[in-house]
Amino acid sequence: MVVEQDRVHMMNMSRYLKYTSISIAIIAIILAVYTIWDNRRFIVVEDEIVIDNLPEQLKGFRILQISDLHEKWFGENQTKLIAAINAIDYDAIVFTGDMLDSTESKNYDPFYYLIDGITNKKNAWYVPGNTDPDSYEVEQDVKKSAFINGMEARGVQLLESVNKVSVGGGATVYFVNFELSIIKEPEYLGRTNGIVQPDYFLSELYLDYQEKLLDEMNVLDKIKSKDLVVALNHYPIPDVRVDSIQESTGMGWMDYDFIMAGHYHGGQIRLPILGAFFIPEPWYEPNSFFPPKDRVKGLWSYEGVKQYVSSGLGSSDAISFLNFRFLNPPEINVLSLR
């Protein structure tokens, strides 16, 4: 009798383990298929940025943000992404870095095909990310790199210092390069902490060039109350870095209306309830795992300054075996001022 009970128990256990294994395998397959599908699609995220005392003529001003492409394709020759972008009504389009997947990459086509296909590039600017090729070549003089020349020939301009969009009624939206805008004293050029810098960033030629760009920022000393200042950067600005800049004697915190950035990929791997698993943020080291949920993507505010961080389109190998997005669809972002 005992032997028979043991035999039945073993059969039930074997059946349970079999069904459990099959269930786990089915769930794993479903998750894998879903993740592959989720990584190949993208969504258009629309958000409002509420600006205190925003002039009437700037209400409804729309900025389209493209970030962290990482050489991904969305449709043959980017047709799906191009179609979605061209269906959006916007006043300016900004590319906040990591269009390529490595500083050494020559695979410009995913980015170039994209910008070739975009029709509205009247106000189009780019700031580099940590996986993009150098923006300059510095030898006998400073000149833009082949990558930047190709981009600008296609209608997207490198945001070196400050550019503007004039709106009816005398209002102006200024787009500024964040990393340059925080420099108050020329001797602080090249001292940015936590940012990947090109090999030439401390060369005398490059620093002289940057100092000339810094002079262009003086136009912001004369902005009117109805003007807007939007800073572009690849890297988000963590609260601790805001404090560091404000406390520095050689740096200055401008009166930005808001900042736009990318880089974090929304955490890339997102877990139910827990949120982002990891973000590549040196200001959080040694612990960049499970960052604050309200400091990963979307809109947040600190010290009265709003910051919008796009999850972007691609993925990277900050953690080598996790070079994909999970529960975190690729996105482009449309920001409307209110």
C-alpha atoms as a PDB file:
ATOM      1  CA  MET A   1       0.000   0.000   0.000  1.00  0.00           C
ATOM      2  CA  VAL A   2       2.801   2.388   0.933  1.00  0.00           C
ATOM      3  CA  VAL A   3       4.666   1.461  -2.236  1.00  0.00           C
ATOM      4  CA  GLU A   4       1.564   2.159  -4.324  1.00  0.00           C
ATOM      5  CA  GLN A   5       1.094   5.566  -2.653  1.00  0.00           C
ATOM      6  CA  ASP A   6       4.723   6.440  -3.313  1.00  0.00           C
ATOM      7  CA  ARG A   7       4.326   5.444  -6.953  1.00  0.00           C
ATOM      8  CA  VAL A   8       1.210   7.596  -7.359  1.00  0.00           C
ATOM      9  CA  HIS A   9       2.938  10.488  -5.605  1.00  0.00           C
ATOM     10  CA  MET A  10       5.935  10.222  -7.916  1.00  0.00           C
ATOM     11  CA  MET A  11       3.666  10.121 -10.978  1.00  0.00           C
ATOM     12  CA  ASN A  12       1.784  13.200  -9.785  1.00  0.00           C
ATOM     13  CA  MET A  13       5.044  15.004  -9.065  1.00  0.00           C
ATOM     14  CA  SER A  14       6.414  14.066 -12.479  1.00  0.00           C
ATOM     15  CA  ARG A  15       3.208  15.269 -14.138  1.00  0.00           C
ATOM     16  CA  TYR A  16       3.344  18.520 -12.143  1.00  0.00           C
ATOM     17  CA  LEU A  17       6.967  19.163 -13.097  1.00  0.00           C
ATOM     18  CA  LYS A  18       6.205  18.387 -16.725  1.00  0.00           C
ATOM     19  CA  TYR A  19       3.266  20.809 -16.880  1.00  0.00           C
ATOM     20  CA  THR A  20       5.212  23.438 -14.945  1.00  0.00           C
ATOM     21  CA  SER A  21       8.151  23.150 -17.351  1.00  0.00           C
ATOM     22  CA  ILE A  22       5.831  23.377 -20.346  1.00  0.00           C
ATOM     23  CA  SER A  23       4.077  26.422 -18.842  1.00  0.00           C
ATOM     24  CA  ILE A  24       7.382  28.160 -18.139  1.00  0.00           C
ATOM     25  CA  ALA A  25       8.579  27.404 -21.674  1.00  0.00           C
ATOM     26  CA  ILE A  26       5.356  28.786 -23.173  1.00  0.00           C
ATOM     27  CA  ILE A  27       5.573  31.947 -21.053  1.00  0.00           C
ATOM     28  CA  ALA A  28       9.251  32.378 -22.029  1.00  0.00           C
ATOM     29  CA  ILE A  29       8.396  31.991 -25.722  1.00  0.00           C
ATOM     30  CA  ILE A  30       5.519  34.473 -25.444  1.00  0.00           C
ATOM     31  CA  LEU A  31       7.757  36.983 -23.645  1.00  0.00           C
ATOM     32  CA  ALA A  32      10.527  36.528 -26.228  1.00  0.00           C
ATOM     33  CA  VAL A  33       8.141  36.998 -29.158  1.00  0.00           C
ATOM     34  CA  TYR A  34       6.523  40.008 -27.485  1.00  0.00           C
ATOM     35  CA  THR A  35       9.906  41.588 -26.709  1.00  0.00           C
ATOM     36  CA  ILE A  36      11.101  41.165 -30.306  1.00  0.00           C
ATOM     37  CA  TRP A  37       7.859  42.730 -31.577  1.00  0.00           C
ATOM     38  CA  ASP A  38       8.003  45.480 -28.960  1.00  0.00           C
ATOM     39  CA  ASN A  39      11.575  46.407 -29.933  1.00  0.00           C
ATOM     40  CA  ARG A  40      10.645  46.710 -33.608  1.00  0.00           C
ATOM     41  CA  ARG A  41       7.728  49.091 -33.147  1.00  0.00           C
ATOM     42  CA  PHE A  42       7.639  52.630 -31.802  1.00  0.00           C
ATOM     43  CA  ILE A  43       5.062  54.905 -30.239  1.00  0.00           C
ATOM     44  CA  VAL A  44       4.473  58.637 -30.484  1.00  0.00           C
ATOM     45  CA  VAL A  45       4.319  60.125 -26.991  1.00  0.00           C
ATOM     46  CA  GLU A  46       2.616  63.508 -26.720  1.00  0.00           C
ATOM     47  CA  ASP A  47       3.136  65.619 -23.613  1.00  0.00           C
ATOM     48  CA  GLU A  48       2.419  69.170 -22.550  1.00  0.00           C
ATOM     49  CA  ILE A  49       5.006  71.453 -20.980  1.00  0.00           C
ATOM     50  CA  VAL A  50       3.271  74.056 -18.837  1.00  0.00           C
ATOM     51  CA  ILE A  51       5.289  77.281 -18.678  1.00  0.00           C
ATOM     52  CA  ASP A  52       4.298  79.961 -16.191  1.00  0.00           C
ATOM     53  CA  ASN A  53       3.220  83.193 -17.868  1.00  0.00           C
ATOM     54  CA  LEU A  54       3.774  81.741 -21.336  1.00  0.00           C
ATOM     55  CA  PRO A  55       3.061  84.444 -23.950  1.00  0.00           C
ATOM     56  CA  GLU A  56      -0.043  83.813 -25.999  1.00  0.00           C
ATOM     57  CA  GLN A  57       1.934  83.602 -29.252  1.00  0.00           C
ATOM     58  CA  LEU A  58       4.006  80.687 -27.878  1.00  0.00           C
ATOM     59  CA  LYS A  59       1.063  78.604 -26.715  1.00  0.00           C
ATOM     60  CA  GLY A  60       0.865  75.498 -28.863  1.00  0.00           C
ATOM     61  CA  PHE A  61       4.511  75.720 -30.006  1.00  0.00           C
ATOM     62  CA  ARG A  62       5.475  72.104 -30.676  1.00  0.00           C
ATOM     63  CA  ILE A  63       8.874  70.425 -30.508  1.00  0.00           C
ATOM     64  CA  LEU A  64       9.485  66.932 -31.886  1.00  0.00           C
ATOM     65  CA  GLN A  65      12.271  65.030 -30.133  1.00  0.00           C
ATOM     66  CA  ILE A  66      14.190  62.108 -31.652  1.00  0.00           C
ATOM     67  CA  SER A  67      16.715  60.453 -29.359  1.00  0.00           C
ATOM     68  CA  ASP A  68      19.004  57.430 -29.107  1.00  0.00           C
ATOM     69  CA  LEU A  69      18.403  55.851 -32.505  1.00  0.00           C
ATOM     70  CA  HIS A  70      21.500  53.639 -32.113  1.00  0.00           C
ATOM     71  CA  GLU A  71      21.497  52.735 -35.827  1.00  0.00           C
ATOM     72  CA  LYS A  72      18.092  51.016 -35.612  1.00  0.00           C
ATOM     73  CA  TRP A  73      15.844  50.624 -38.629  1.00  0.00           C
ATOM     74  CA  PHE A  74      12.077  51.065 -38.525  1.00  0.00           C
ATOM     75  CA  GLY A  75      10.859  49.795 -41.861  1.00  0.00           C
ATOM     76  CA  GLU A  76      12.899  49.577 -45.045  1.00  0.00           C
ATOM     77  CA  ASN A  77      15.028  52.729 -45.308  1.00  0.00           C
ATOM     78  CA  GLN A  78      13.236  54.059 -42.175  1.00  0.00           C
ATOM     79  CA  THR A  79       9.915  54.342 -44.041  1.00  0.00           C
ATOM     80  CA  LYS A  80       7.739  53.668 -40.976  1.00  0.00           C
ATOM     81  CA  LEU A  81       9.536  56.210 -38.816  1.00  0.00           C
ATOM     82  CA  ILE A  82       9.641  58.800 -41.596  1.00  0.00           C
ATOM     83  CA  ALA A  83       5.911  58.417 -42.266  1.00  0.00           C
ATOM     84  CA  ALA A  84       5.089  58.926 -38.591  1.00  0.00           C
ATOM     85  CA  ILE A  85       7.309  62.009 -38.318  1.00  0.00           C
ATOM     86  CA  ASN A  86       5.964  63.592 -41.494  1.00  0.00           C
ATOM     87  CA  ALA A  87       2.414  63.147 -40.195  1.00  0.00           C
ATOM     88  CA  ILE A  88       3.203  65.304 -37.136  1.00  0.00           C
ATOM     89  CA  ASP A  89       2.750  69.074 -37.096  1.00  0.00           C
ATOM     90  CA  TYR A  90       5.693  70.648 -35.261  1.00  0.00           C
ATOM     91  CA  ASP A  91       7.625  73.917 -35.140  1.00  0.00           C
ATOM     92  CA  ALA A  92      11.078  72.498 -34.376  1.00  0.00           C
ATOM     93  CA  ILE A  93      12.696  69.071 -34.421  1.00  0.00           C
ATOM     94  CA  VAL A  94      15.623  68.143 -32.170  1.00  0.00           C
ATOM     95  CA  PHE A  95      17.920  65.117 -32.165  1.00  0.00           C
ATOM     96  CA  THR A  96      19.340  64.587 -28.687  1.00  0.00           C
ATOM     97  CA  GLY A  97      22.247  62.286 -29.437  1.00  0.00           C
ATOM     98  CA  ASP A  98      23.285  58.648 -29.868  1.00  0.00           C
ATOM     99  CA  MET A  99      22.133  58.395 -33.448  1.00  0.00           C
ATOM    100  CA  LEU A 100      24.991  55.944 -34.008  1.00  0.00           C
ATOM    101  CA  ASP A 101      26.056  52.986 -31.897  1.00  0.00           C
ATOM    102  CA  SER A 102      29.761  53.708 -31.488  1.00  0.00           C
ATOM    103  CA  THR A 103      32.134  56.639 -31.789  1.00  0.00           C
ATOM    104  CA  GLU A 104      34.073  54.556 -34.334  1.00  0.00           C
ATOM    105  CA  SER A 105      31.016  53.573 -36.404  1.00  0.00           C
ATOM    106  CA  LYS A 106      30.758  54.548 -40.054  1.00  0.00           C
ATOM    107  CA  ASN A 107      27.228  53.190 -40.365  1.00  0.00           C
ATOM    108  CA  TYR A 108      25.608  56.567 -40.997  1.00  0.00           C
ATOM    109  CA  ASP A 109      22.783  55.191 -43.172  1.00  0.00           C
ATOM    110  CA  PRO A 110      20.102  54.610 -40.501  1.00  0.00           C
ATOM    111  CA  PHE A 111      20.391  58.262 -39.435  1.00  0.00           C
ATOM    112  CA  TYR A 112      20.987  59.735 -42.878  1.00  0.00           C
ATOM    113  CA  TYR A 113      18.045  57.861 -44.447  1.00  0.00           C
ATOM    114  CA  LEU A 114      15.874  59.148 -41.630  1.00  0.00           C
ATOM    115  CA  ILE A 115      16.747  62.812 -42.020  1.00  0.00           C
ATOM    116  CA  ASP A 116      16.692  62.554 -45.813  1.00  0.00           C
ATOM    117  CA  GLY A 117      13.063  61.504 -45.562  1.00  0.00           C
ATOM    118  CA  ILE A 118      11.916  64.151 -43.086  1.00  0.00           C
ATOM    119  CA  THR A 119      10.164  67.009 -44.873  1.00  0.00           C
ATOM    120  CA  ASN A 120       9.968  69.674 -42.138  1.00  0.00           C
ATOM    121  CA  LYS A 121      13.549  70.621 -41.262  1.00  0.00           C
ATOM    122  CA  LYS A 122      13.105  74.369 -41.091  1.00  0.00           C
ATOM    123  CA  ASN A 123      14.245  74.363 -37.464  1.00  0.00           C
ATOM    124  CA  ALA A 124      16.251  71.172 -36.957  1.00  0.00           C
ATOM    125  CA  TRP A 125      19.128  70.750 -34.491  1.00  0.00           C
ATOM    126  CA  TYR A 126      21.333  67.991 -33.158  1.00  0.00           C
ATOM    127  CA  VAL A 127      23.465  67.599 -30.044  1.00  0.00           C
ATOM    128  CA  PRO A 128      25.915  64.672 -29.887  1.00  0.00           C
ATOM    129  CA  GLY A 129      25.701  61.686 -27.584  1.00  0.00           C
ATOM    130  CA  ASN A 130      28.351  59.440 -26.102  1.00  0.00           C
ATOM    131  CA  THR A 131      28.108  56.866 -28.935  1.00  0.00           C
ATOM    132  CA  ASP A 132      28.208  59.341 -31.812  1.00  0.00           C
ATOM    133  CA  PRO A 133      31.316  60.128 -33.892  1.00  0.00           C
ATOM    134  CA  ASP A 134      33.271  63.241 -32.970  1.00  0.00           C
ATOM    135  CA  SER A 135      31.659  66.458 -34.138  1.00  0.00           C
ATOM    136  CA  TYR A 136      34.978  68.048 -35.106  1.00  0.00           C
ATOM    137  CA  GLU A 137      38.354  67.284 -36.590  1.00  0.00           C
ATOM    138  CA  VAL A 138      41.153  69.190 -34.888  1.00  0.00           C
ATOM    139  CA  GLU A 139      44.500  69.283 -36.651  1.00  0.00           C
ATOM    140  CA  GLN A 140      45.837  72.559 -38.083  1.00  0.00           C
ATOM    141  CA  ASP A 141      42.454  74.105 -37.378  1.00  0.00           C
ATOM    142  CA  VAL A 142      38.997  73.129 -36.141  1.00  0.00           C
ATOM    143  CA  LYS A 143      36.524  71.901 -38.726  1.00  0.00           C
ATOM    144  CA  LYS A 144      33.364  69.847 -38.604  1.00  0.00           C
ATOM    145  CA  SER A 145      33.735  66.103 -39.058  1.00  0.00           C
ATOM    146  CA  ALA A 146      32.547  64.151 -42.089  1.00  0.00           C
ATOM    147  CA  PHE A 147      29.619  62.832 -40.048  1.00  0.00           C
ATOM    148  CA  ILE A 148      28.456  66.346 -39.137  1.00  0.00           C
ATOM    149  CA  ASN A 149      28.990  67.674 -42.671  1.00  0.00           C
ATOM    150  CA  GLY A 150      26.836  64.860 -44.041  1.00  0.00           C
ATOM    151  CA  MET A 151      24.137  65.575 -41.481  1.00  0.00           C
ATOM    152  CA  GLU A 152      24.108  69.308 -42.157  1.00  0.00           C
ATOM    153  CA  ALA A 153      23.996  68.732 -45.920  1.00  0.00           C
ATOM    154  CA  ARG A 154      20.741  66.885 -45.230  1.00  0.00           C
ATOM    155  CA  GLY A 155      19.217  69.795 -43.339  1.00  0.00           C
ATOM    156  CA  VAL A 156      19.943  69.146 -39.656  1.00  0.00           C
ATOM    157  CA  GLN A 157      22.311  71.595 -37.967  1.00  0.00           C
ATOM    158  CA  LEU A 158      24.771  70.931 -35.169  1.00  0.00           C
ATOM    159  CA  LEU A 159      23.704  73.054 -32.189  1.00  0.00           C
ATOM    160  CA  GLU A 160      27.089  74.499 -31.290  1.00  0.00           C
ATOM    161  CA  SER A 161      25.935  77.367 -29.104  1.00  0.00           C
ATOM    162  CA  VAL A 162      22.565  79.071 -29.572  1.00  0.00           C
ATOM    163  CA  ASN A 163      19.957  79.251 -32.339  1.00  0.00           C
ATOM    164  CA  LYS A 164      16.537  80.812 -32.372  1.00  0.00           C
ATOM    165  CA  VAL A 165      13.047  80.460 -33.782  1.00  0.00           C
ATOM    166  CA  SER A 166      11.207  83.741 -34.221  1.00  0.00           C
ATOM    167  CA  VAL A 167       7.489  83.504 -33.568  1.00  0.00           C
ATOM    168  CA  GLY A 168       4.788  86.022 -34.429  1.00  0.00           C
ATOM    169  CA  GLY A 169       4.329  88.930 -32.060  1.00  0.00           C
ATOM    170  CA  GLY A 170       8.024  89.407 -31.411  1.00  0.00           C
ATOM    171  CA  ALA A 171       8.501  86.314 -29.237  1.00  0.00           C
ATOM    172  CA  THR A 172      11.546  84.096 -29.734  1.00  0.00           C
ATOM    173  CA  VAL A 173      12.388  80.539 -28.718  1.00  0.00           C
ATOM    174  CA  TYR A 174      16.127  80.135 -28.114  1.00  0.00           C
ATOM    175  CA  PHE A 175      17.640  76.650 -28.359  1.00  0.00           C
ATOM    176  CA  VAL A 176      20.950  76.438 -26.496  1.00  0.00           C
ATOM    177  CA  ASN A 177      23.681  73.835 -26.133  1.00  0.00           C
ATOM    178  CA  PHE A 178      23.402  73.018 -22.432  1.00  0.00           C
ATOM    179  CA  GLU A 179      27.018  71.986 -21.818  1.00  0.00           C
ATOM    180  CA  LEU A 180      28.312  75.252 -23.259  1.00  0.00           C
ATOM    181  CA  SER A 181      25.627  77.366 -21.617  1.00  0.00           C
ATOM    182  CA  ILE A 182      26.733  76.471 -18.083  1.00  0.00           C
ATOM    183  CA  ILE A 183      30.261  77.828 -18.622  1.00  0.00           C
ATOM    184  CA  LYS A 184      30.672  81.211 -16.963  1.00  0.00           C
ATOM    185  CA  GLU A 185      34.446  81.565 -17.157  1.00  0.00           C
ATOM    186  CA  PRO A 186      36.434  80.475 -20.274  1.00  0.00           C
ATOM    187  CA  GLU A 187      39.005  78.662 -18.145  1.00  0.00           C
ATOM    188  CA  TYR A 188      36.255  76.208 -17.178  1.00  0.00           C
ATOM    189  CA  LEU A 189      35.866  75.024 -20.770  1.00  0.00           C
ATOM    190  CA  GLY A 190      36.625  71.316 -20.925  1.00  0.00           C
ATOM    191  CA  ARG A 191      36.053  70.718 -17.212  1.00  0.00           C
ATOM    192  CA  THR A 192      32.645  69.081 -17.474  1.00  0.00           C
ATOM    193  CA  ASN A 193      32.430  66.100 -15.123  1.00  0.00           C
ATOM    194  CA  GLY A 194      30.652  62.829 -15.864  1.00  0.00           C
ATOM    195  CA  ILE A 195      30.547  63.424 -19.638  1.00  0.00           C
ATOM    196  CA  VAL A 196      32.379  61.460 -22.339  1.00  0.00           C
ATOM    197  CA  GLN A 197      34.685  63.923 -24.103  1.00  0.00           C
ATOM    198  CA  PRO A 198      36.559  63.664 -27.442  1.00  0.00           C
ATOM    199  CA  ASP A 199      40.328  63.229 -27.438  1.00  0.00           C
ATOM    200  CA  TYR A 200      40.843  66.825 -28.575  1.00  0.00           C
ATOM    201  CA  PHE A 201      38.679  68.512 -25.949  1.00  0.00           C
ATOM    202  CA  LEU A 202      41.636  70.051 -24.103  1.00  0.00           C
ATOM    203  CA  SER A 203      43.610  71.079 -27.186  1.00  0.00           C
ATOM    204  CA  GLU A 204      44.333  74.789 -27.444  1.00  0.00           C
ATOM    205  CA  LEU A 205      42.747  75.069 -30.896  1.00  0.00           C
ATOM    206  CA  TYR A 206      39.520  73.484 -29.723  1.00  0.00           C
ATOM    207  CA  LEU A 207      39.342  75.543 -26.528  1.00  0.00           C
ATOM    208  CA  ASP A 208      39.833  78.739 -28.554  1.00  0.00           C
ATOM    209  CA  TYR A 209      37.015  77.630 -30.853  1.00  0.00           C
ATOM    210  CA  GLN A 210      34.773  76.900 -27.881  1.00  0.00           C
ATOM    211  CA  GLU A 211      35.541  80.303 -26.402  1.00  0.00           C
ATOM    212  CA  LYS A 212      34.285  81.956 -29.599  1.00  0.00           C
ATOM    213  CA  LEU A 213      31.103  79.885 -29.360  1.00  0.00           C
ATOM    214  CA  LEU A 214      30.787  80.932 -25.736  1.00  0.00           C
ATOM    215  CA  ASP A 215      30.768  84.566 -26.849  1.00  0.00           C
ATOM    216  CA  GLU A 216      27.706  83.799 -28.988  1.00  0.00           C
ATOM    217  CA  MET A 217      25.816  83.015 -25.788  1.00  0.00           C
ATOM    218  CA  ASN A 218      25.909  86.718 -24.924  1.00  0.00           C
ATOM    219  CA  VAL A 219      22.782  87.176 -27.030  1.00  0.00           C
ATOM    220  CA  LEU A 220      20.891  85.585 -24.138  1.00  0.00           C
ATOM    221  CA  ASP A 221      21.763  88.549 -21.933  1.00  0.00           C
ATOM    222  CA  LYS A 222      19.254  90.564 -23.935  1.00  0.00           C
ATOM    223  CA  ILE A 223      16.300  88.183 -24.004  1.00  0.00           C
ATOM    224  CA  LYS A 224      12.852  89.615 -23.348  1.00  0.00           C
ATOM    225  CA  SER A 225      10.281  88.387 -20.856  1.00  0.00           C
ATOM    226  CA  LYS A 226       8.236  86.852 -23.662  1.00  0.00           C
ATOM    227  CA  ASP A 227      11.198  84.840 -24.969  1.00  0.00           C
ATOM    228  CA  LEU A 228      11.815  81.193 -24.121  1.00  0.00           C
ATOM    229  CA  VAL A 229      15.091  79.333 -23.486  1.00  0.00           C
ATOM    230  CA  VAL A 230      15.184  75.597 -24.252  1.00  0.00           C
ATOM    231  CA  ALA A 231      18.430  73.753 -23.480  1.00  0.00           C
ATOM    232  CA  LEU A 232      19.357  70.604 -25.415  1.00  0.00           C
ATOM    233  CA  ASN A 233      21.659  67.928 -24.074  1.00  0.00           C
ATOM    234  CA  HIS A 234      22.184  64.230 -24.588  1.00  0.00           C
ATOM    235  CA  TYR A 235      22.696  63.591 -20.901  1.00  0.00           C
ATOM    236  CA  PRO A 236      19.928  64.313 -18.391  1.00  0.00           C
ATOM    237  CA  ILE A 237      20.937  66.619 -15.556  1.00  0.00           C
ATOM    238  CA  PRO A 238      20.570  64.774 -12.214  1.00  0.00           C
ATOM    239  CA  ASP A 239      19.639  66.847  -9.176  1.00  0.00           C
ATOM    240  CA  VAL A 240      23.116  66.412  -7.697  1.00  0.00           C
ATOM    241  CA  ARG A 241      24.682  67.829 -10.867  1.00  0.00           C
ATOM    242  CA  VAL A 242      22.322  70.810 -10.809  1.00  0.00           C
ATOM    243  CA  ASP A 243      23.543  71.510  -7.271  1.00  0.00           C
ATOM    244  CA  SER A 244      27.171  71.115  -8.342  1.00  0.00           C
ATOM    245  CA  ILE A 245      26.785  73.587 -11.219  1.00  0.00           C
ATOM    246  CA  GLN A 246      24.996  76.136  -9.067  1.00  0.00           C
ATOM    247  CA  GLU A 247      27.686  75.919  -6.393  1.00  0.00           C
ATOM    248  CA  SER A 248      30.594  76.212  -8.849  1.00  0.00           C
ATOM    249  CA  THR A 249      32.391  79.543  -9.156  1.00  0.00           C
ATOM    250  CA  GLY A 250      33.262  79.047 -12.832  1.00  0.00           C
ATOM    251  CA  MET A 251      29.907  77.720 -13.960  1.00  0.00           C
ATOM    252  CA  GLY A 252      26.483  79.289 -14.015  1.00  0.00           C
ATOM    253  CA  TRP A 253      22.915  78.033 -14.070  1.00  0.00           C
ATOM    254  CA  MET A 254      20.974  79.883 -16.732  1.00  0.00           C
ATOM    255  CA  ASP A 255      17.304  80.746 -16.428  1.00  0.00           C
ATOM    256  CA  TYR A 256      16.168  77.830 -18.607  1.00  0.00           C
ATOM    257  CA  ASP A 257      12.483  77.353 -19.245  1.00  0.00           C
ATOM    258  CA  PHE A 258      13.108  73.661 -19.715  1.00  0.00           C
ATOM    259  CA  ILE A 259      15.783  71.142 -20.695  1.00  0.00           C
ATOM    260  CA  MET A 260      15.467  68.261 -23.177  1.00  0.00           C
ATOM    261  CA  ALA A 261      17.665  65.155 -22.993  1.00  0.00           C
ATOM    262  CA  GLY A 262      17.850  61.418 -23.697  1.00  0.00           C
ATOM    263  CA  HIS A 263      20.557  58.828 -22.886  1.00  0.00           C
ATOM    264  CA  TYR A 264      18.733  56.755 -20.245  1.00  0.00           C
ATOM    265  CA  HIS A 265      16.539  54.778 -22.705  1.00  0.00           C
ATOM    266  CA  GLY A 266      13.851  54.938 -20.029  1.00  0.00           C
ATOM    267  CA  GLY A 267      15.928  52.381 -18.141  1.00  0.00           C
ATOM    268  CA  GLN A 268      15.925  50.095 -21.224  1.00  0.00           C
ATOM    269  CA  ILE A 269      14.921  47.111 -19.069  1.00  0.00           C
ATOM    270  CA  ARG A 270      11.801  47.944 -17.069  1.00  0.00           C
ATOM    271  CA  LEU A 271      10.292  45.613 -14.510  1.00  0.00           C
ATOM    272  CA  PRO A 272       6.685  45.599 -13.315  1.00  0.00           C
ATOM    273  CA  ILE A 273       6.229  47.679 -10.128  1.00  0.00           C
ATOM    274  CA  LEU A 274      10.004  48.194  -9.739  1.00  0.00           C
ATOM    275  CA  GLY A 275      10.460  50.328 -12.873  1.00  0.00           C
ATOM    276  CA  ALA A 276      13.882  50.861 -14.450  1.00  0.00           C
ATOM    277  CA  PHE A 277      16.476  48.216 -13.629  1.00  0.00           C
ATOM    278  CA  PHE A 278      19.513  50.367 -14.488  1.00  0.00           C
ATOM    279  CA  ILE A 279      20.457  53.709 -16.014  1.00  0.00           C
ATOM    280  CA  PRO A 280      23.941  54.761 -17.207  1.00  0.00           C
ATOM    281  CA  GLU A 281      24.360  57.717 -14.867  1.00  0.00           C
ATOM    282  CA  PRO A 282      27.869  58.393 -13.476  1.00  0.00           C
ATOM    283  CA  TRP A 283      26.478  60.900 -10.982  1.00  0.00           C
ATOM    284  CA  TYR A 284      24.645  58.022  -9.286  1.00  0.00           C
ATOM    285  CA  GLU A 285      27.641  55.700  -9.107  1.00  0.00           C
ATOM    286  CA  PRO A 286      28.465  53.312  -7.556  1.00  0.00           C
ATOM    287  CA  ASN A 287      24.747  52.478  -7.592  1.00  0.00           C
ATOM    288  CA  SER A 288      22.934  53.173 -10.855  1.00  0.00           C
ATOM    289  CA  PHE A 289      20.556  50.259 -10.304  1.00  0.00           C
ATOM    290  CA  PHE A 290      16.881  50.881  -9.602  1.00  0.00           C
ATOM    291  CA  PRO A 291      17.103  54.688  -9.838  1.00  0.00           C
ATOM    292  CA  PRO A 292      14.317  56.975  -8.553  1.00  0.00           C
ATOM    293  CA  LYS A 293      11.219  56.264 -10.641  1.00  0.00           C
ATOM    294  CA  ASP A 294      10.584  59.953 -11.302  1.00  0.00           C
ATOM    295  CA  ARG A 295      14.125  60.544 -12.594  1.00  0.00           C
ATOM    296  CA  VAL A 296      14.235  58.121 -15.528  1.00  0.00           C
ATOM    297  CA  LYS A 297      11.976  59.385 -18.298  1.00  0.00           C
ATOM    298  CA  GLY A 298       9.334  61.963 -19.061  1.00  0.00           C
ATOM    299  CA  LEU A 299       8.936  65.295 -17.295  1.00  0.00           C
ATOM    300  CA  TRP A 300      10.300  66.264 -13.912  1.00  0.00           C
ATOM    301  CA  SER A 301      11.251  69.464 -12.136  1.00  0.00           C
ATOM    302  CA  TYR A 302      14.026  70.471  -9.755  1.00  0.00           C
ATOM    303  CA  GLU A 303      14.929  73.896  -8.427  1.00  0.00           C
ATOM    304  CA  GLY A 304      12.129  75.337 -10.532  1.00  0.00           C
ATOM    305  CA  VAL A 305      13.519  74.040 -13.843  1.00  0.00           C
ATOM    306  CA  LYS A 306      11.588  71.514 -15.898  1.00  0.00           C
ATOM    307  CA  GLN A 307      13.431  68.713 -17.648  1.00  0.00           C
ATOM    308  CA  TYR A 308      12.055  66.316 -20.241  1.00  0.00           C
ATOM    309  CA  VAL A 309      13.888  63.056 -20.917  1.00  0.00           C
ATOM    310  CA  SER A 310      12.972  60.868 -23.883  1.00  0.00           C
ATOM    311  CA  SER A 311      13.225  57.078 -23.684  1.00  0.00           C
ATOM    312  CA  GLY A 312      14.410  57.173 -27.289  1.00  0.00           C
ATOM    313  CA  LEU A 313      14.314  54.540 -29.992  1.00  0.00           C
ATOM    314  CA  GLY A 314      17.236  52.169 -29.588  1.00  0.00           C
ATOM    315  CA  SER A 315      19.147  50.136 -27.051  1.00  0.00           C
ATOM    316  CA  SER A 316      22.770  49.856 -25.998  1.00  0.00           C
ATOM    317  CA  ASP A 317      25.096  47.446 -24.240  1.00  0.00           C
ATOM    318  CA  ALA A 318      25.737  49.382 -21.027  1.00  0.00           C
ATOM    319  CA  ILE A 319      25.108  45.906 -19.587  1.00  0.00           C
ATOM    320  CA  SER A 320      26.540  43.719 -22.362  1.00  0.00           C
ATOM    321  CA  PHE A 321      24.022  40.854 -22.341  1.00  0.00           C
ATOM    322  CA  LEU A 322      20.989  43.152 -22.038  1.00  0.00           C
ATOM    323  CA  ASN A 323      21.200  44.987 -25.364  1.00  0.00           C
ATOM    324  CA  PHE A 324      17.433  45.141 -25.873  1.00  0.00           C
ATOM    325  CA  ARG A 325      14.413  46.919 -24.426  1.00  0.00           C
ATOM    326  CA  PHE A 326      11.961  45.128 -22.149  1.00  0.00           C
ATOM    327  CA  LEU A 327       8.454  46.406 -21.363  1.00  0.00           C
ATOM    328  CA  ASN A 328       9.704  49.717 -22.720  1.00  0.00           C
ATOM    329  CA  PRO A 329       8.663  50.423 -26.344  1.00  0.00           C
ATOM    330  CA  PRO A 330      10.793  52.763 -28.492  1.00  0.00           C
ATOM    331  CA  GLU A 331       9.364  56.257 -28.687  1.00  0.00           C
ATOM    332  CA  ILE A 332       9.522  59.670 -30.285  1.00  0.00           C
ATOM    333  CA  ASN A 333       8.170  62.642 -28.373  1.00  0.00           C
ATOM    334  CA  VAL A 334       6.028  65.644 -29.219  1.00  0.00           C
ATOM    335  CA  LEU A 335       6.084  68.435 -26.640  1.00  0.00           C
ATOM    336  CA  SER A 336       3.432  71.144 -26.775  1.00  0.00           C
ATOM    337  CA  LEU A 337       3.926  74.348 -24.808  1.00  0.00           C
ATOM    338  CA  ARG A 338       1.034  75.541 -22.690  1.00  0.00           C
END
